[in-house]
């Protein structure tokens, strides 16, 4: 196993992690920003007001994008197995 193969695996892992986590993180960030603006405008500073909507939106996103996430992870796993077969 050489350095270029290790770097390829690390690059593929980082790309897969970003590809999977980005949609959920971006939507959660947008919801948090909208709630923060609402709280600043109304001067309501309740902790559960930020937690519950983020939790619900994250759960909805996981349900909606779950099959795509599994497909992405499956492709990554197959890529890793292909690299392992090339090394042998």
N, C-alpha and C. Protein backbone atom coordinates (compact mmCIF):
# COMPACT_ATOMS: atom_id res chain seq x y z
N UNK A 1 0.86 -1.17 0.00
CA UNK A 1 0.00 0.00 0.00
C UNK A 1 0.90 1.23 0.00
N UNK A 2 0.72 2.08 -0.97
CA UNK A 2 1.56 3.26 -1.06
C UNK A 2 0.80 4.52 -0.65
N UNK A 3 1.53 5.62 -0.63
CA UNK A 3 0.97 6.89 -0.16
C UNK A 3 -0.18 7.37 -1.05
N UNK A 4 -0.05 7.21 -2.34
CA UNK A 4 -1.10 7.70 -3.25
C UNK A 4 -2.42 6.95 -3.04
N UNK A 5 -2.33 5.66 -2.73
CA UNK A 5 -3.55 4.89 -2.48
C UNK A 5 -4.20 5.33 -1.17
N UNK A 6 -3.38 5.56 -0.17
CA UNK A 6 -3.91 6.03 1.11
C UNK A 6 -4.56 7.40 0.94
N UNK A 7 -3.93 8.28 0.18
CA UNK A 7 -4.49 9.61 -0.05
C UNK A 7 -5.80 9.52 -0.83
N UNK A 8 -5.89 8.59 -1.77
CA UNK A 8 -7.12 8.41 -2.53
C UNK A 8 -8.26 7.94 -1.62
N UNK A 9 -7.95 7.03 -0.71
CA UNK A 9 -8.96 6.54 0.24
C UNK A 9 -9.41 7.68 1.15
N UNK A 10 -8.46 8.45 1.66
CA UNK A 10 -8.80 9.56 2.55
C UNK A 10 -9.62 10.62 1.82
N UNK A 11 -9.27 10.90 0.58
CA UNK A 11 -10.01 11.88 -0.20
C UNK A 11 -11.43 11.38 -0.47
N UNK A 12 -11.57 10.13 -0.80
CA UNK A 12 -12.90 9.55 -1.04
C UNK A 12 -13.74 9.56 0.23
N UNK A 13 -13.12 9.27 1.36
CA UNK A 13 -13.85 9.27 2.63
C UNK A 13 -14.32 10.67 2.99
N UNK A 14 -13.45 11.65 2.82
CA UNK A 14 -13.83 13.04 3.12
C UNK A 14 -14.93 13.52 2.19
N UNK A 15 -14.83 13.18 0.92
CA UNK A 15 -15.86 13.59 -0.05
C UNK A 15 -17.20 12.94 0.29
N UNK A 16 -17.19 11.68 0.65
CA UNK A 16 -18.43 10.99 1.01
C UNK A 16 -19.04 11.59 2.27
N UNK A 17 -18.21 11.89 3.26
CA UNK A 17 -18.72 12.48 4.51
C UNK A 17 -19.34 13.84 4.26
N UNK A 18 -18.69 14.65 3.45
CA UNK A 18 -19.23 15.98 3.15
C UNK A 18 -20.51 15.87 2.33
N UNK A 19 -20.51 14.97 1.38
CA UNK A 19 -21.67 14.78 0.51
C UNK A 19 -22.89 14.33 1.31
N UNK A 20 -22.67 13.49 2.31
CA UNK A 20 -23.78 12.98 3.10
C UNK A 20 -24.26 13.99 4.14
N UNK A 21 -23.34 14.67 4.79
CA UNK A 21 -23.73 15.54 5.90
C UNK A 21 -24.15 16.94 5.47
N UNK A 22 -23.72 17.40 4.31
CA UNK A 22 -23.97 18.78 3.91
C UNK A 22 -25.46 19.14 3.83
N UNK A 23 -26.32 18.35 3.21
CA UNK A 23 -27.73 18.77 3.12
C UNK A 23 -28.39 18.96 4.49
N UNK A 24 -28.13 18.05 5.41
CA UNK A 24 -28.73 18.14 6.74
C UNK A 24 -28.18 19.34 7.49
N UNK A 25 -26.87 19.54 7.42
CA UNK A 25 -26.27 20.66 8.13
C UNK A 25 -26.72 22.01 7.58
N UNK A 26 -26.83 22.11 6.26
CA UNK A 26 -27.25 23.38 5.66
C UNK A 26 -28.69 23.72 6.03
N UNK A 27 -29.57 22.73 5.97
CA UNK A 27 -30.97 22.99 6.33
C UNK A 27 -31.10 23.32 7.81
N UNK A 28 -30.37 22.61 8.65
CA UNK A 28 -30.40 22.89 10.08
C UNK A 28 -29.86 24.28 10.38
N UNK A 29 -28.82 24.69 9.67
CA UNK A 29 -28.27 26.03 9.84
C UNK A 29 -29.27 27.10 9.42
N UNK A 30 -29.97 26.87 8.31
CA UNK A 30 -30.96 27.85 7.85
C UNK A 30 -32.13 27.95 8.83
N UNK A 31 -32.59 26.83 9.37
CA UNK A 31 -33.67 26.85 10.35
C UNK A 31 -33.21 27.58 11.61
N UNK A 32 -32.00 27.30 12.06
CA UNK A 32 -31.47 27.97 13.24
C UNK A 32 -31.35 29.47 13.04
N UNK A 33 -30.92 29.89 11.86
CA UNK A 33 -30.81 31.32 11.57
C UNK A 33 -32.18 31.97 11.54
N UNK A 34 -33.16 31.32 10.93
CA UNK A 34 -34.52 31.88 10.88
C UNK A 34 -35.10 32.01 12.29
N UNK A 35 -34.87 31.03 13.13
CA UNK A 35 -35.39 31.08 14.50
C UNK A 35 -34.66 32.15 15.30
N UNK A 36 -33.36 32.30 15.07
CA UNK A 36 -32.60 33.34 15.79
C UNK A 36 -33.10 34.73 15.41
N UNK A 37 -33.40 34.93 14.13
CA UNK A 37 -33.95 36.23 13.71
C UNK A 37 -35.32 36.45 14.34
N UNK A 38 -36.14 35.41 14.37
CA UNK A 38 -37.46 35.51 15.01
C UNK A 38 -37.33 35.83 16.49
N UNK A 39 -36.40 35.16 17.18
CA UNK A 39 -36.20 35.42 18.60
C UNK A 39 -35.68 36.84 18.84
N UNK A 40 -34.81 37.32 17.98
CA UNK A 40 -34.30 38.67 18.14
C UNK A 40 -35.39 39.70 17.90
N UNK A 41 -36.27 39.43 16.96
CA UNK A 41 -37.34 40.38 16.65
C UNK A 41 -38.40 40.41 17.73
N UNK A 42 -38.71 39.26 18.32
CA UNK A 42 -39.77 39.19 19.32
C UNK A 42 -39.26 39.21 20.75
N UNK A 43 -37.98 39.13 20.93
CA UNK A 43 -37.33 39.08 22.25
C UNK A 43 -37.82 37.90 23.09
N UNK A 44 -38.12 36.81 22.41
CA UNK A 44 -38.46 35.55 23.09
C UNK A 44 -37.20 34.70 23.09
N UNK A 45 -36.70 34.36 24.27
CA UNK A 45 -35.46 33.60 24.35
C UNK A 45 -35.69 32.27 25.05
N UNK A 46 -36.46 31.44 24.41
CA UNK A 46 -36.77 30.11 24.94
C UNK A 46 -35.86 29.09 24.26
N UNK A 47 -35.20 28.25 25.04
CA UNK A 47 -34.24 27.29 24.48
C UNK A 47 -34.92 26.23 23.62
N UNK A 48 -36.11 25.80 24.01
CA UNK A 48 -36.78 24.76 23.25
C UNK A 48 -37.29 25.28 21.90
N UNK A 49 -37.40 26.58 21.76
CA UNK A 49 -37.85 27.15 20.49
C UNK A 49 -36.83 26.90 19.38
N UNK A 50 -35.56 26.77 19.72
CA UNK A 50 -34.55 26.46 18.71
C UNK A 50 -34.36 24.95 18.55
N UNK A 51 -34.50 24.22 19.63
CA UNK A 51 -34.20 22.79 19.62
C UNK A 51 -35.24 21.96 18.86
N UNK A 52 -36.50 22.17 19.16
CA UNK A 52 -37.56 21.33 18.60
C UNK A 52 -37.67 21.46 17.07
N UNK A 53 -37.70 22.66 16.50
CA UNK A 53 -37.77 22.73 15.03
C UNK A 53 -36.55 22.12 14.33
N UNK A 54 -35.37 22.32 14.89
CA UNK A 54 -34.17 21.72 14.30
C UNK A 54 -34.26 20.20 14.35
N UNK A 55 -34.74 19.67 15.45
CA UNK A 55 -34.90 18.23 15.60
C UNK A 55 -35.90 17.67 14.60
N UNK A 56 -37.02 18.35 14.44
CA UNK A 56 -38.04 17.89 13.50
C UNK A 56 -37.55 17.96 12.06
N UNK A 57 -36.90 19.06 11.69
CA UNK A 57 -36.41 19.20 10.33
C UNK A 57 -35.30 18.18 10.05
N UNK A 58 -34.44 17.94 11.01
CA UNK A 58 -33.39 16.94 10.83
C UNK A 58 -33.99 15.54 10.64
N UNK A 59 -35.01 15.21 11.42
CA UNK A 59 -35.67 13.91 11.28
C UNK A 59 -36.34 13.79 9.92
N UNK A 60 -36.99 14.85 9.46
CA UNK A 60 -37.63 14.83 8.15
C UNK A 60 -36.59 14.67 7.04
N UNK A 61 -35.48 15.37 7.17
CA UNK A 61 -34.42 15.27 6.17
C UNK A 61 -33.82 13.86 6.14
N UNK A 62 -33.64 13.25 7.31
CA UNK A 62 -33.12 11.89 7.36
C UNK A 62 -34.08 10.90 6.71
N UNK A 63 -35.37 11.10 6.92
CA UNK A 63 -36.35 10.22 6.30
C UNK A 63 -36.37 10.43 4.78
N UNK A 64 -36.32 11.68 4.37
CA UNK A 64 -36.41 12.00 2.94
C UNK A 64 -35.14 11.59 2.18
N UNK A 65 -33.98 11.78 2.79
CA UNK A 65 -32.72 11.53 2.10
C UNK A 65 -32.02 10.24 2.53
N UNK A 66 -32.69 9.43 3.33
CA UNK A 66 -32.07 8.22 3.85
C UNK A 66 -31.62 7.25 2.77
N UNK A 67 -32.45 7.03 1.77
CA UNK A 67 -32.08 6.09 0.72
C UNK A 67 -30.90 6.61 -0.10
N UNK A 68 -30.88 7.92 -0.35
CA UNK A 68 -29.75 8.51 -1.09
C UNK A 68 -28.46 8.40 -0.28
N UNK A 69 -28.56 8.60 1.03
CA UNK A 69 -27.38 8.48 1.90
C UNK A 69 -26.85 7.04 1.90
N UNK A 70 -27.77 6.08 1.96
CA UNK A 70 -27.34 4.68 1.93
C UNK A 70 -26.70 4.33 0.60
N UNK A 71 -27.23 4.86 -0.48
CA UNK A 71 -26.65 4.61 -1.80
C UNK A 71 -25.25 5.21 -1.90
N UNK A 72 -25.08 6.40 -1.36
CA UNK A 72 -23.76 7.05 -1.37
C UNK A 72 -22.76 6.24 -0.55
N UNK A 73 -23.17 5.78 0.62
CA UNK A 73 -22.27 4.98 1.45
C UNK A 73 -21.98 3.63 0.80
N UNK A 74 -22.96 3.06 0.14
CA UNK A 74 -22.74 1.80 -0.57
C UNK A 74 -21.74 1.97 -1.70
N UNK A 75 -21.87 3.07 -2.45
CA UNK A 75 -20.91 3.35 -3.52
C UNK A 75 -19.50 3.53 -2.96
N UNK A 76 -19.39 4.23 -1.83
CA UNK A 76 -18.09 4.43 -1.20
C UNK A 76 -17.50 3.10 -0.75
N UNK A 77 -18.33 2.24 -0.15
CA UNK A 77 -17.86 0.93 0.31
C UNK A 77 -17.39 0.07 -0.86
N UNK A 78 -18.15 0.08 -1.94
CA UNK A 78 -17.73 -0.68 -3.11
C UNK A 78 -16.44 -0.13 -3.70
N UNK A 79 -16.26 1.17 -3.67
CA UNK A 79 -15.02 1.78 -4.13
C UNK A 79 -13.83 1.32 -3.28
N UNK A 80 -14.02 1.27 -1.98
CA UNK A 80 -12.96 0.82 -1.07
C UNK A 80 -12.63 -0.65 -1.34
N UNK A 81 -13.65 -1.49 -1.53
CA UNK A 81 -13.40 -2.90 -1.82
C UNK A 81 -12.69 -3.08 -3.16
N UNK A 82 -13.05 -2.28 -4.15
CA UNK A 82 -12.34 -2.33 -5.44
C UNK A 82 -10.86 -1.97 -5.27
N UNK A 83 -10.60 -0.96 -4.44
CA UNK A 83 -9.20 -0.59 -4.20
C UNK A 83 -8.45 -1.71 -3.48
N UNK A 84 -9.13 -2.40 -2.56
CA UNK A 84 -8.48 -3.49 -1.86
C UNK A 84 -8.17 -4.64 -2.79
N UNK A 85 -9.03 -4.89 -3.75
CA UNK A 85 -8.77 -5.95 -4.71
C UNK A 85 -7.63 -5.60 -5.66
N UNK A 86 -7.48 -4.33 -5.98
CA UNK A 86 -6.37 -3.90 -6.84
C UNK A 86 -5.03 -4.05 -6.15
N UNK A 87 -5.00 -3.88 -4.83
CA UNK A 87 -3.75 -3.96 -4.08
C UNK A 87 -3.25 -5.39 -4.05
N UNK A 88 -4.14 -6.36 -3.97
CA UNK A 88 -3.72 -7.76 -3.86
C UNK A 88 -3.18 -8.28 -5.12
